[in-house]
């Protein structure tokens, strides 16, 4: 997730190495062979890039805020489910059912978009 949030702040090489390693699941040796450098050079570059990403997260906290928002939206969906279920079992209001469905749809869309 940190690569997605802060990856553009890395050098092109650092971003490529992290992408190869984490997204493409290449080994350090495979990346080194493809890039024409040593395995240790790749490892050092990845470790430096990881440290930079963590430093950015420590300062900005975007990943933590994203996770908190996602959890909150999931909680909203759960409460909307509870309201809708109560309403259905007590045959109270079509409007409440419609509103709970809309709340759930909006929250689900926000989760998907983030």
PDB file of N, CA and C in Angstrom:
ATOM      1  N   UNK A   1       0.817  -1.187   0.000  1.00  0.00           N
ATOM      2  CA  UNK A   1       0.000   0.000   0.000  1.00  0.00           C
ATOM      3  C   UNK A   1       0.865   1.257   0.000  1.00  0.00           C
ATOM      4  N   UNK A   2       1.994   1.196   0.706  1.00  0.00           N
ATOM      5  CA  UNK A   2       2.868   2.367   0.752  1.00  0.00           C
ATOM      6  C   UNK A   2       3.418   2.712  -0.624  1.00  0.00           C
ATOM      7  N   UNK A   3       3.667   1.702  -1.439  1.00  0.00           N
ATOM      8  CA  UNK A   3       4.144   1.956  -2.802  1.00  0.00           C
ATOM      9  C   UNK A   3       3.076   2.713  -3.581  1.00  0.00           C
ATOM     10  N   UNK A   4       1.832   2.304  -3.429  1.00  0.00           N
ATOM     11  CA  UNK A   4       0.739   2.977  -4.137  1.00  0.00           C
ATOM     12  C   UNK A   4       0.589   4.426  -3.683  1.00  0.00           C
ATOM     13  N   UNK A   5       0.734   4.661  -2.390  1.00  0.00           N
ATOM     14  CA  UNK A   5       0.545   6.010  -1.860  1.00  0.00           C
ATOM     15  C   UNK A   5       1.735   6.933  -2.112  1.00  0.00           C
ATOM     16  N   UNK A   6       2.926   6.424  -1.922  1.00  0.00           N
ATOM     17  CA  UNK A   6       4.117   7.278  -1.946  1.00  0.00           C
ATOM     18  C   UNK A   6       5.124   6.921  -3.042  1.00  0.00           C
ATOM     19  N   UNK A   7       4.815   5.931  -3.848  1.00  0.00           N
ATOM     20  CA  UNK A   7       5.764   5.436  -4.846  1.00  0.00           C
ATOM     21  C   UNK A   7       6.273   6.489  -5.813  1.00  0.00           C
ATOM     22  N   UNK A   8       5.425   7.466  -6.145  1.00  0.00           N
ATOM     23  CA  UNK A   8       5.847   8.508  -7.084  1.00  0.00           C
ATOM     24  C   UNK A   8       6.908   9.431  -6.494  1.00  0.00           C
ATOM     25  N   UNK A   9       7.115   9.359  -5.195  1.00  0.00           N
ATOM     26  CA  UNK A   9       8.125  10.202  -4.557  1.00  0.00           C
ATOM     27  C   UNK A   9       9.505   9.538  -4.566  1.00  0.00           C
ATOM     28  N   UNK A  10       9.561   8.301  -4.984  1.00  0.00           N
ATOM     29  CA  UNK A  10      10.831   7.579  -5.084  1.00  0.00           C
ATOM     30  C   UNK A  10      11.469   7.846  -6.436  1.00  0.00           C
ATOM     31  N   UNK A  11      12.749   7.500  -6.543  1.00  0.00           N
ATOM     32  CA  UNK A  11      13.378   7.570  -7.859  1.00  0.00           C
ATOM     33  C   UNK A  11      12.770   6.484  -8.740  1.00  0.00           C
ATOM     34  N   UNK A  12      12.931   6.627 -10.025  1.00  0.00           N
ATOM     35  CA  UNK A  12      12.395   5.635 -10.952  1.00  0.00           C
ATOM     36  C   UNK A  12      12.979   4.253 -10.679  1.00  0.00           C
ATOM     37  N   UNK A  13      14.266   4.200 -10.384  1.00  0.00           N
ATOM     38  CA  UNK A  13      14.944   2.933 -10.095  1.00  0.00           C
ATOM     39  C   UNK A  13      14.394   2.293  -8.822  1.00  0.00           C
ATOM     40  N   UNK A  14      14.268   3.088  -7.767  1.00  0.00           N
ATOM     41  CA  UNK A  14      13.739   2.566  -6.509  1.00  0.00           C
ATOM     42  C   UNK A  14      12.316   2.023  -6.712  1.00  0.00           C
ATOM     43  N   UNK A  15      11.514   2.792  -7.411  1.00  0.00           N
ATOM     44  CA  UNK A  15      10.132   2.369  -7.671  1.00  0.00           C
ATOM     45  C   UNK A  15      10.113   1.074  -8.474  1.00  0.00           C
ATOM     46  N   UNK A  16      10.982   0.985  -9.475  1.00  0.00           N
ATOM     47  CA  UNK A  16      11.048  -0.232 -10.298  1.00  0.00           C
ATOM     48  C   UNK A  16      11.455  -1.441  -9.476  1.00  0.00           C
ATOM     49  N   UNK A  17      12.470  -1.288  -8.657  1.00  0.00           N
ATOM     50  CA  UNK A  17      12.936  -2.404  -7.832  1.00  0.00           C
ATOM     51  C   UNK A  17      11.833  -2.892  -6.890  1.00  0.00           C
ATOM     52  N   UNK A  18      11.155  -1.947  -6.226  1.00  0.00           N
ATOM     53  CA  UNK A  18      10.069  -2.335  -5.328  1.00  0.00           C
ATOM     54  C   UNK A  18       8.932  -3.017  -6.087  1.00  0.00           C
ATOM     55  N   UNK A  19       8.627  -2.491  -7.256  1.00  0.00           N
ATOM     56  CA  UNK A  19       7.567  -3.082  -8.066  1.00  0.00           C
ATOM     57  C   UNK A  19       7.930  -4.495  -8.519  1.00  0.00           C
ATOM     58  N   UNK A  20       9.159  -4.668  -8.961  1.00  0.00           N
ATOM     59  CA  UNK A  20       9.608  -6.010  -9.349  1.00  0.00           C
ATOM     60  C   UNK A  20       9.522  -6.971  -8.163  1.00  0.00           C
ATOM     61  N   UNK A  21       9.975  -6.502  -7.022  1.00  0.00           N
ATOM     62  CA  UNK A  21      10.074  -7.358  -5.843  1.00  0.00           C
ATOM     63  C   UNK A  21       8.703  -7.693  -5.256  1.00  0.00           C
ATOM     64  N   UNK A  22       7.862  -6.666  -5.077  1.00  0.00           N
ATOM     65  CA  UNK A  22       6.581  -6.885  -4.400  1.00  0.00           C
ATOM     66  C   UNK A  22       5.431  -7.204  -5.356  1.00  0.00           C
ATOM     67  N   UNK A  23       5.384  -6.525  -6.485  1.00  0.00           N
ATOM     68  CA  UNK A  23       4.249  -6.734  -7.402  1.00  0.00           C
ATOM     69  C   UNK A  23       4.471  -7.903  -8.357  1.00  0.00           C
ATOM     70  N   UNK A  24       5.699  -8.005  -8.879  1.00  0.00           N
ATOM     71  CA  UNK A  24       5.998  -9.057  -9.855  1.00  0.00           C
ATOM     72  C   UNK A  24       6.574 -10.307  -9.200  1.00  0.00           C
ATOM     73  N   UNK A  25       6.846 -10.223  -7.904  1.00  0.00           N
ATOM     74  CA  UNK A  25       7.351 -11.346  -7.117  1.00  0.00           C
ATOM     75  C   UNK A  25       8.673 -11.905  -7.659  1.00  0.00           C
ATOM     76  N   UNK A  26       9.542 -11.001  -8.130  1.00  0.00           N
ATOM     77  CA  UNK A  26      10.862 -11.423  -8.593  1.00  0.00           C
ATOM     78  C   UNK A  26      11.811 -11.507  -7.403  1.00  0.00           C
ATOM     79  N   UNK A  27      12.749 -12.410  -7.459  1.00  0.00           N
ATOM     80  CA  UNK A  27      13.745 -12.522  -6.405  1.00  0.00           C
ATOM     81  C   UNK A  27      14.795 -11.428  -6.581  1.00  0.00           C
ATOM     82  N   UNK A  28      15.595 -11.228  -5.543  1.00  0.00           N
ATOM     83  CA  UNK A  28      16.688 -10.250  -5.633  1.00  0.00           C
ATOM     84  C   UNK A  28      17.644 -10.627  -6.761  1.00  0.00           C
ATOM     85  N   UNK A  29      17.916 -11.913  -6.904  1.00  0.00           N
ATOM     86  CA  UNK A  29      18.821 -12.384  -7.961  1.00  0.00           C
ATOM     87  C   UNK A  29      18.248 -12.117  -9.347  1.00  0.00           C
ATOM     88  N   UNK A  30      16.949 -12.323  -9.501  1.00  0.00           N
ATOM     89  CA  UNK A  30      16.323 -12.079 -10.807  1.00  0.00           C
ATOM     90  C   UNK A  30      16.356 -10.597 -11.159  1.00  0.00           C
ATOM     91  N   UNK A  31      16.073  -9.758 -10.188  1.00  0.00           N
ATOM     92  CA  UNK A  31      16.120  -8.312 -10.437  1.00  0.00           C
ATOM     93  C   UNK A  31      17.544  -7.895 -10.779  1.00  0.00           C
ATOM     94  N   UNK A  32      18.512  -8.411 -10.023  1.00  0.00           N
ATOM     95  CA  UNK A  32      19.919  -8.077 -10.271  1.00  0.00           C
ATOM     96  C   UNK A  32      20.330  -8.474 -11.677  1.00  0.00           C
ATOM     97  N   UNK A  33      19.935  -9.670 -12.112  1.00  0.00           N
ATOM     98  CA  UNK A  33      20.285 -10.135 -13.457  1.00  0.00           C
ATOM     99  C   UNK A  33      19.649  -9.241 -14.518  1.00  0.00           C
ATOM    100  N   UNK A  34      18.393  -8.860 -14.308  1.00  0.00           N
ATOM    101  CA  UNK A  34      17.689  -8.016 -15.274  1.00  0.00           C
ATOM    102  C   UNK A  34      18.278  -6.611 -15.341  1.00  0.00           C
ATOM    103  N   UNK A  35      18.758  -6.116 -14.201  1.00  0.00           N
ATOM    104  CA  UNK A  35      19.257  -4.740 -14.119  1.00  0.00           C
ATOM    105  C   UNK A  35      20.767  -4.631 -14.300  1.00  0.00           C
ATOM    106  N   UNK A  36      21.449  -5.758 -14.308  1.00  0.00           N
ATOM    107  CA  UNK A  36      22.895  -5.742 -14.508  1.00  0.00           C
ATOM    108  C   UNK A  36      23.666  -5.224 -13.309  1.00  0.00           C
ATOM    109  N   UNK A  37      23.139  -5.466 -12.110  1.00  0.00           N
ATOM    110  CA  UNK A  37      23.847  -5.084 -10.890  1.00  0.00           C
ATOM    111  C   UNK A  37      23.896  -6.297  -9.960  1.00  0.00           C
ATOM    112  N   UNK A  38      24.533  -6.118  -8.814  1.00  0.00           N
ATOM    113  CA  UNK A  38      24.653  -7.238  -7.884  1.00  0.00           C
ATOM    114  C   UNK A  38      23.357  -7.420  -7.092  1.00  0.00           C
ATOM    115  N   UNK A  39      23.219  -8.625  -6.568  1.00  0.00           N
ATOM    116  CA  UNK A  39      22.077  -8.938  -5.706  1.00  0.00           C
ATOM    117  C   UNK A  39      22.095  -8.025  -4.481  1.00  0.00           C
ATOM    118  N   UNK A  40      23.287  -7.799  -3.927  1.00  0.00           N
ATOM    119  CA  UNK A  40      23.426  -6.925  -2.754  1.00  0.00           C
ATOM    120  C   UNK A  40      23.020  -5.492  -3.096  1.00  0.00           C
ATOM    121  N   UNK A  41      23.345  -5.047  -4.306  1.00  0.00           N
ATOM    122  CA  UNK A  41      22.950  -3.702  -4.742  1.00  0.00           C
ATOM    123  C   UNK A  41      21.439  -3.560  -4.796  1.00  0.00           C
ATOM    124  N   UNK A  42      20.768  -4.593  -5.290  1.00  0.00           N
ATOM    125  CA  UNK A  42      19.304  -4.579  -5.342  1.00  0.00           C
ATOM    126  C   UNK A  42      18.741  -4.556  -3.925  1.00  0.00           C
ATOM    127  N   UNK A  43      19.282  -5.416  -3.069  1.00  0.00           N
ATOM    128  CA  UNK A  43      18.801  -5.485  -1.686  1.00  0.00           C
ATOM    129  C   UNK A  43      18.949  -4.140  -0.993  1.00  0.00           C
ATOM    130  N   UNK A  44      20.108  -3.513  -1.149  1.00  0.00           N
ATOM    131  CA  UNK A  44      20.354  -2.208  -0.518  1.00  0.00           C
ATOM    132  C   UNK A  44      19.373  -1.158  -1.050  1.00  0.00           C
ATOM    133  N   UNK A  45      19.153  -1.159  -2.358  1.00  0.00           N
ATOM    134  CA  UNK A  45      18.233  -0.186  -2.955  1.00  0.00           C
ATOM    135  C   UNK A  45      16.808  -0.386  -2.440  1.00  0.00           C
ATOM    136  N   UNK A  46      16.387  -1.642  -2.317  1.00  0.00           N
ATOM    137  CA  UNK A  46      15.048  -1.939  -1.812  1.00  0.00           C
ATOM    138  C   UNK A  46      14.923  -1.522  -0.352  1.00  0.00           C
ATOM    139  N   UNK A  47      15.935  -1.827   0.441  1.00  0.00           N
ATOM    140  CA  UNK A  47      15.904  -1.449   1.863  1.00  0.00           C
ATOM    141  C   UNK A  47      15.849   0.075   2.027  1.00  0.00           C
ATOM    142  N   UNK A  48      16.614   0.808   1.230  1.00  0.00           N
ATOM    143  CA  UNK A  48      16.585   2.271   1.298  1.00  0.00           C
ATOM    144  C   UNK A  48      15.206   2.801   0.897  1.00  0.00           C
ATOM    145  N   UNK A  49      14.646   2.238  -0.172  1.00  0.00           N
ATOM    146  CA  UNK A  49      13.328   2.675  -0.643  1.00  0.00           C
ATOM    147  C   UNK A  49      12.253   2.364   0.395  1.00  0.00           C
ATOM    148  N   UNK A  50      12.328   1.184   1.007  1.00  0.00           N
ATOM    149  CA  UNK A  50      11.368   0.827   2.058  1.00  0.00           C
ATOM    150  C   UNK A  50      11.465   1.807   3.231  1.00  0.00           C
ATOM    151  N   UNK A  51      12.685   2.169   3.593  1.00  0.00           N
ATOM    152  CA  UNK A  51      12.884   3.109   4.696  1.00  0.00           C
ATOM    153  C   UNK A  51      12.293   4.480   4.349  1.00  0.00           C
ATOM    154  N   UNK A  52      12.475   4.910   3.107  1.00  0.00           N
ATOM    155  CA  UNK A  52      11.899   6.188   2.676  1.00  0.00           C
ATOM    156  C   UNK A  52      10.378   6.146   2.721  1.00  0.00           C
ATOM    157  N   UNK A  53       9.796   5.046   2.235  1.00  0.00           N
ATOM    158  CA  UNK A  53       8.340   4.908   2.270  1.00  0.00           C
ATOM    159  C   UNK A  53       7.824   4.943   3.705  1.00  0.00           C
ATOM    160  N   UNK A  54       8.505   4.246   4.598  1.00  0.00           N
ATOM    161  CA  UNK A  54       8.081   4.224   5.998  1.00  0.00           C
ATOM    162  C   UNK A  54       8.230   5.599   6.635  1.00  0.00           C
ATOM    163  N   UNK A  55       9.292   6.304   6.277  1.00  0.00           N
ATOM    164  CA  UNK A  55       9.503   7.661   6.807  1.00  0.00           C
ATOM    165  C   UNK A  55       8.375   8.586   6.345  1.00  0.00           C
ATOM    166  N   UNK A  56       7.988   8.463   5.081  1.00  0.00           N
ATOM    167  CA  UNK A  56       6.890   9.280   4.579  1.00  0.00           C
ATOM    168  C   UNK A  56       5.585   8.945   5.302  1.00  0.00           C
ATOM    169  N   UNK A  57       5.345   7.652   5.515  1.00  0.00           N
ATOM    170  CA  UNK A  57       4.131   7.242   6.238  1.00  0.00           C
ATOM    171  C   UNK A  57       4.162   7.748   7.669  1.00  0.00           C
ATOM    172  N   UNK A  58       5.318   7.683   8.315  1.00  0.00           N
ATOM    173  CA  UNK A  58       5.433   8.167   9.692  1.00  0.00           C
ATOM    174  C   UNK A  58       5.121   9.661   9.774  1.00  0.00           C
ATOM    175  N   UNK A  59       5.506  10.417   8.762  1.00  0.00           N
ATOM    176  CA  UNK A  59       5.281  11.864   8.761  1.00  0.00           C
ATOM    177  C   UNK A  59       3.875  12.235   8.316  1.00  0.00           C
ATOM    178  N   UNK A  60       3.371  11.548   7.290  1.00  0.00           N
ATOM    179  CA  UNK A  60       2.089  11.938   6.700  1.00  0.00           C
ATOM    180  C   UNK A  60       0.905  11.095   7.171  1.00  0.00           C
ATOM    181  N   UNK A  61       1.122   9.833   7.439  1.00  0.00           N
ATOM    182  CA  UNK A  61       0.073   8.960   7.959  1.00  0.00           C
ATOM    183  C   UNK A  61      -1.074   8.659   7.015  1.00  0.00           C
ATOM    184  N   UNK A  62      -0.845   8.733   5.705  1.00  0.00           N
ATOM    185  CA  UNK A  62      -1.932   8.499   4.757  1.00  0.00           C
ATOM    186  C   UNK A  62      -2.460   7.074   4.788  1.00  0.00           C
ATOM    187  N   UNK A  63      -1.578   6.108   4.910  1.00  0.00           N
ATOM    188  CA  UNK A  63      -2.022   4.707   4.941  1.00  0.00           C
ATOM    189  C   UNK A  63      -2.851   4.441   6.193  1.00  0.00           C
ATOM    190  N   UNK A  64      -2.436   4.990   7.306  1.00  0.00           N
ATOM    191  CA  UNK A  64      -3.189   4.811   8.551  1.00  0.00           C
ATOM    192  C   UNK A  64      -4.565   5.465   8.441  1.00  0.00           C
ATOM    193  N   UNK A  65      -4.618   6.659   7.864  1.00  0.00           N
ATOM    194  CA  UNK A  65      -5.914   7.341   7.685  1.00  0.00           C
ATOM    195  C   UNK A  65      -6.802   6.579   6.717  1.00  0.00           C
ATOM    196  N   UNK A  66      -6.209   6.065   5.651  1.00  0.00           N
ATOM    197  CA  UNK A  66      -6.965   5.277   4.674  1.00  0.00           C
ATOM    198  C   UNK A  66      -7.575   4.053   5.355  1.00  0.00           C
ATOM    199  N   UNK A  67      -6.781   3.345   6.141  1.00  0.00           N
ATOM    200  CA  UNK A  67      -7.267   2.144   6.832  1.00  0.00           C
ATOM    201  C   UNK A  67      -8.373   2.499   7.816  1.00  0.00           C
ATOM    202  N   UNK A  68      -8.220   3.607   8.515  1.00  0.00           N
ATOM    203  CA  UNK A  68      -9.237   4.055   9.463  1.00  0.00           C
ATOM    204  C   UNK A  68     -10.547   4.389   8.748  1.00  0.00           C
ATOM    205  N   UNK A  69     -10.454   5.081   7.616  1.00  0.00           N
ATOM    206  CA  UNK A  69     -11.655   5.406   6.839  1.00  0.00           C
ATOM    207  C   UNK A  69     -12.325   4.153   6.309  1.00  0.00           C
ATOM    208  N   UNK A  70     -11.538   3.219   5.827  1.00  0.00           N
ATOM    209  CA  UNK A  70     -12.084   1.965   5.314  1.00  0.00           C
ATOM    210  C   UNK A  70     -12.826   1.217   6.417  1.00  0.00           C
ATOM    211  N   UNK A  71     -12.218   1.140   7.593  1.00  0.00           N
ATOM    212  CA  UNK A  71     -12.863   0.479   8.728  1.00  0.00           C
ATOM    213  C   UNK A  71     -14.154   1.189   9.121  1.00  0.00           C
ATOM    214  N   UNK A  72     -14.139   2.512   9.109  1.00  0.00           N
ATOM    215  CA  UNK A  72     -15.348   3.279   9.425  1.00  0.00           C
ATOM    216  C   UNK A  72     -16.460   3.032   8.426  1.00  0.00           C
ATOM    217  N   UNK A  73     -16.114   2.971   7.157  1.00  0.00           N
ATOM    218  CA  UNK A  73     -17.120   2.697   6.124  1.00  0.00           C
ATOM    219  C   UNK A  73     -17.700   1.293   6.271  1.00  0.00           C
ATOM    220  N   UNK A  74     -16.849   0.341   6.605  1.00  0.00           N
ATOM    221  CA  UNK A  74     -17.338  -1.020   6.833  1.00  0.00           C
ATOM    222  C   UNK A  74     -18.276  -1.056   8.040  1.00  0.00           C
ATOM    223  N   UNK A  75     -17.969  -0.261   9.052  1.00  0.00           N
ATOM    224  CA  UNK A  75     -18.837  -0.185  10.229  1.00  0.00           C
ATOM    225  C   UNK A  75     -20.182   0.454   9.871  1.00  0.00           C
ATOM    226  N   UNK A  76     -20.159   1.482   9.036  1.00  0.00           N
ATOM    227  CA  UNK A  76     -21.395   2.113   8.576  1.00  0.00           C
ATOM    228  C   UNK A  76     -22.264   1.102   7.831  1.00  0.00           C
ATOM    229  N   UNK A  77     -21.648   0.306   6.978  1.00  0.00           N
ATOM    230  CA  UNK A  77     -22.392  -0.725   6.248  1.00  0.00           C
ATOM    231  C   UNK A  77     -23.023  -1.717   7.220  1.00  0.00           C
ATOM    232  N   UNK A  78     -22.273  -2.120   8.238  1.00  0.00           N
ATOM    233  CA  UNK A  78     -22.801  -3.073   9.230  1.00  0.00           C
ATOM    234  C   UNK A  78     -23.989  -2.474   9.975  1.00  0.00           C
ATOM    235  N   UNK A  79     -23.903  -1.201  10.366  1.00  0.00           N
ATOM    236  CA  UNK A  79     -25.026  -0.555  11.051  1.00  0.00           C
ATOM    237  C   UNK A  79     -26.228  -0.413  10.129  1.00  0.00           C
ATOM    238  N   UNK A  80     -25.982  -0.090   8.869  1.00  0.00           N
ATOM    239  CA  UNK A  80     -27.091  -0.004   7.909  1.00  0.00           C
ATOM    240  C   UNK A  80     -27.766  -1.362   7.757  1.00  0.00           C
ATOM    241  N   UNK A  81     -26.981  -2.432   7.756  1.00  0.00           N
ATOM    242  CA  UNK A  81     -27.548  -3.784   7.722  1.00  0.00           C
ATOM    243  C   UNK A  81     -28.444  -4.035   8.928  1.00  0.00           C
ATOM    244  N   UNK A  82     -27.964  -3.638  10.104  1.00  0.00           N
ATOM    245  CA  UNK A  82     -28.748  -3.837  11.326  1.00  0.00           C
ATOM    246  C   UNK A  82     -30.057  -3.051  11.280  1.00  0.00           C
ATOM    247  N   UNK A  83     -29.996  -1.806  10.846  1.00  0.00           N
ATOM    248  CA  UNK A  83     -31.208  -0.982  10.738  1.00  0.00           C
ATOM    249  C   UNK A  83     -32.177  -1.609   9.737  1.00  0.00           C
ATOM    250  N   UNK A  84     -31.639  -2.002   8.575  1.00  0.00           N
ATOM    251  CA  UNK A  84     -32.491  -2.618   7.557  1.00  0.00           C
ATOM    252  C   UNK A  84     -33.131  -3.904   8.040  1.00  0.00           C
ATOM    253  N   UNK A  85     -32.358  -4.719   8.747  1.00  0.00           N
ATOM    254  CA  UNK A  85     -32.901  -5.982   9.261  1.00  0.00           C
ATOM    255  C   UNK A  85     -33.990  -5.723  10.300  1.00  0.00           C
ATOM    256  N   UNK A  86     -33.761  -4.790  11.196  1.00  0.00           N
ATOM    257  CA  UNK A  86     -34.781  -4.447  12.199  1.00  0.00           C
ATOM    258  C   UNK A  86     -36.044  -3.960  11.504  1.00  0.00           C
ATOM    259  N   UNK A  87     -35.855  -3.108  10.524  1.00  0.00           N
ATOM    260  CA  UNK A  87     -36.996  -2.564   9.794  1.00  0.00           C
ATOM    261  C   UNK A  87     -37.777  -3.668   9.078  1.00  0.00           C
ATOM    262  N   UNK A  88     -37.079  -4.613   8.471  1.00  0.00           N
ATOM    263  CA  UNK A  88     -37.757  -5.705   7.750  1.00  0.00           C
ATOM    264  C   UNK A  88     -38.517  -6.622   8.705  1.00  0.00           C
ATOM    265  N   UNK A  89     -37.910  -6.933   9.846  1.00  0.00           N
ATOM    266  CA  UNK A  89     -38.576  -7.853  10.777  1.00  0.00           C
ATOM    267  C   UNK A  89     -39.760  -7.210  11.489  1.00  0.00           C
ATOM    268  N   UNK A  90     -39.779  -5.891  11.546  1.00  0.00           N
ATOM    269  CA  UNK A  90     -40.890  -5.195  12.197  1.00  0.00           C
ATOM    270  C   UNK A  90     -41.823  -4.527  11.183  1.00  0.00           C
ATOM    271  N   UNK A  91     -41.567  -4.745   9.914  1.00  0.00           N
ATOM    272  CA  UNK A  91     -42.402  -4.231   8.816  1.00  0.00           C
ATOM    273  C   UNK A  91     -42.755  -2.756   9.022  1.00  0.00           C
ATOM    274  N   UNK A  92     -41.716  -1.949   9.173  1.00  0.00           N
ATOM    275  CA  UNK A  92     -41.958  -0.550   9.491  1.00  0.00           C
ATOM    276  C   UNK A  92     -42.062   0.358   8.271  1.00  0.00           C
ATOM    277  N   UNK A  93     -41.016   0.439   7.448  1.00  0.00           N
ATOM    278  CA  UNK A  93     -41.022   1.483   6.423  1.00  0.00           C
ATOM    279  C   UNK A  93     -40.208   1.089   5.196  1.00  0.00           C
ATOM    280  N   UNK A  94     -40.827   1.262   4.042  1.00  0.00           N
ATOM    281  CA  UNK A  94     -40.116   1.060   2.777  1.00  0.00           C
ATOM    282  C   UNK A  94     -39.030   2.110   2.605  1.00  0.00           C
ATOM    283  N   UNK A  95     -39.300   3.343   3.047  1.00  0.00           N
ATOM    284  CA  UNK A  95     -38.333   4.428   2.922  1.00  0.00           C
ATOM    285  C   UNK A  95     -37.052   4.115   3.710  1.00  0.00           C
ATOM    286  N   UNK A  96     -37.192   3.525   4.878  1.00  0.00           N
ATOM    287  CA  UNK A  96     -36.015   3.159   5.662  1.00  0.00           C
ATOM    288  C   UNK A  96     -35.208   2.090   4.924  1.00  0.00           C
ATOM    289  N   UNK A  97     -35.888   1.111   4.359  1.00  0.00           N
ATOM    290  CA  UNK A  97     -35.176   0.097   3.570  1.00  0.00           C
ATOM    291  C   UNK A  97     -34.435   0.729   2.403  1.00  0.00           C
ATOM    292  N   UNK A  98     -35.096   1.668   1.713  1.00  0.00           N
ATOM    293  CA  UNK A  98     -34.453   2.342   0.581  1.00  0.00           C
ATOM    294  C   UNK A  98     -33.239   3.151   1.035  1.00  0.00           C
ATOM    295  N   UNK A  99     -33.375   3.851   2.149  1.00  0.00           N
ATOM    296  CA  UNK A  99     -32.262   4.669   2.656  1.00  0.00           C
ATOM    297  C   UNK A  99     -31.092   3.804   3.117  1.00  0.00           C
ATOM    298  N   UNK A 100     -31.372   2.703   3.797  1.00  0.00           N
ATOM    299  CA  UNK A 100     -30.268   1.846   4.228  1.00  0.00           C
ATOM    300  C   UNK A 100     -29.549   1.244   3.025  1.00  0.00           C
ATOM    301  N   UNK A 101     -30.299   0.909   1.988  1.00  0.00           N
ATOM    302  CA  UNK A 101     -29.669   0.386   0.765  1.00  0.00           C
ATOM    303  C   UNK A 101     -28.781   1.453   0.129  1.00  0.00           C
ATOM    304  N   UNK A 102     -29.230   2.703   0.108  1.00  0.00           N
ATOM    305  CA  UNK A 102     -28.438   3.797  -0.461  1.00  0.00           C
ATOM    306  C   UNK A 102     -27.172   4.054   0.372  1.00  0.00           C
ATOM    307  N   UNK A 103     -27.318   4.031   1.694  1.00  0.00           N
ATOM    308  CA  UNK A 103     -26.156   4.223   2.584  1.00  0.00           C
ATOM    309  C   UNK A 103     -25.114   3.152   2.310  1.00  0.00           C
ATOM    310  N   UNK A 104     -25.570   1.917   2.240  1.00  0.00           N
ATOM    311  CA  UNK A 104     -24.641   0.816   1.980  1.00  0.00           C
ATOM    312  C   UNK A 104     -23.975   0.959   0.614  1.00  0.00           C
ATOM    313  N   UNK A 105     -24.726   1.362  -0.396  1.00  0.00           N
ATOM    314  CA  UNK A 105     -24.163   1.512  -1.745  1.00  0.00           C
ATOM    315  C   UNK A 105     -23.099   2.607  -1.786  1.00  0.00           C
ATOM    316  N   UNK A 106     -23.386   3.740  -1.147  1.00  0.00           N
ATOM    317  CA  UNK A 106     -22.421   4.851  -1.135  1.00  0.00           C
ATOM    318  C   UNK A 106     -21.160   4.437  -0.388  1.00  0.00           C
ATOM    319  N   UNK A 107     -21.319   3.818   0.775  1.00  0.00           N
ATOM    320  CA  UNK A 107     -20.152   3.384   1.559  1.00  0.00           C
ATOM    321  C   UNK A 107     -19.337   2.346   0.791  1.00  0.00           C
ATOM    322  N   UNK A 108     -20.012   1.409   0.145  1.00  0.00           N
ATOM    323  CA  UNK A 108     -19.297   0.383  -0.628  1.00  0.00           C
ATOM    324  C   UNK A 108     -18.540   1.012  -1.791  1.00  0.00           C
ATOM    325  N   UNK A 109     -19.130   2.000  -2.443  1.00  0.00           N
ATOM    326  CA  UNK A 109     -18.460   2.699  -3.544  1.00  0.00           C
ATOM    327  C   UNK A 109     -17.210   3.412  -3.052  1.00  0.00           C
ATOM    328  N   UNK A 110     -17.287   4.045  -1.897  1.00  0.00           N
ATOM    329  CA  UNK A 110     -16.131   4.739  -1.334  1.00  0.00           C
ATOM    330  C   UNK A 110     -15.019   3.761  -0.974  1.00  0.00           C
ATOM    331  N   UNK A 111     -15.382   2.590  -0.487  1.00  0.00           N
ATOM    332  CA  UNK A 111     -14.370   1.575  -0.174  1.00  0.00           C
ATOM    333  C   UNK A 111     -13.668   1.127  -1.450  1.00  0.00           C
ATOM    334  N   UNK A 112     -14.437   0.872  -2.498  1.00  0.00           N
ATOM    335  CA  UNK A 112     -13.875   0.399  -3.768  1.00  0.00           C
ATOM    336  C   UNK A 112     -12.985   1.471  -4.399  1.00  0.00           C
ATOM    337  N   UNK A 113     -13.417   2.721  -4.369  1.00  0.00           N
ATOM    338  CA  UNK A 113     -12.660   3.806  -4.993  1.00  0.00           C
ATOM    339  C   UNK A 113     -11.359   4.105  -4.275  1.00  0.00           C
ATOM    340  N   UNK A 114     -11.290   3.792  -2.991  1.00  0.00           N
ATOM    341  CA  UNK A 114     -10.074   4.118  -2.243  1.00  0.00           C
ATOM    342  C   UNK A 114      -9.103   3.012  -2.293  1.00  0.00           C
TER     343      UNK A 114
END
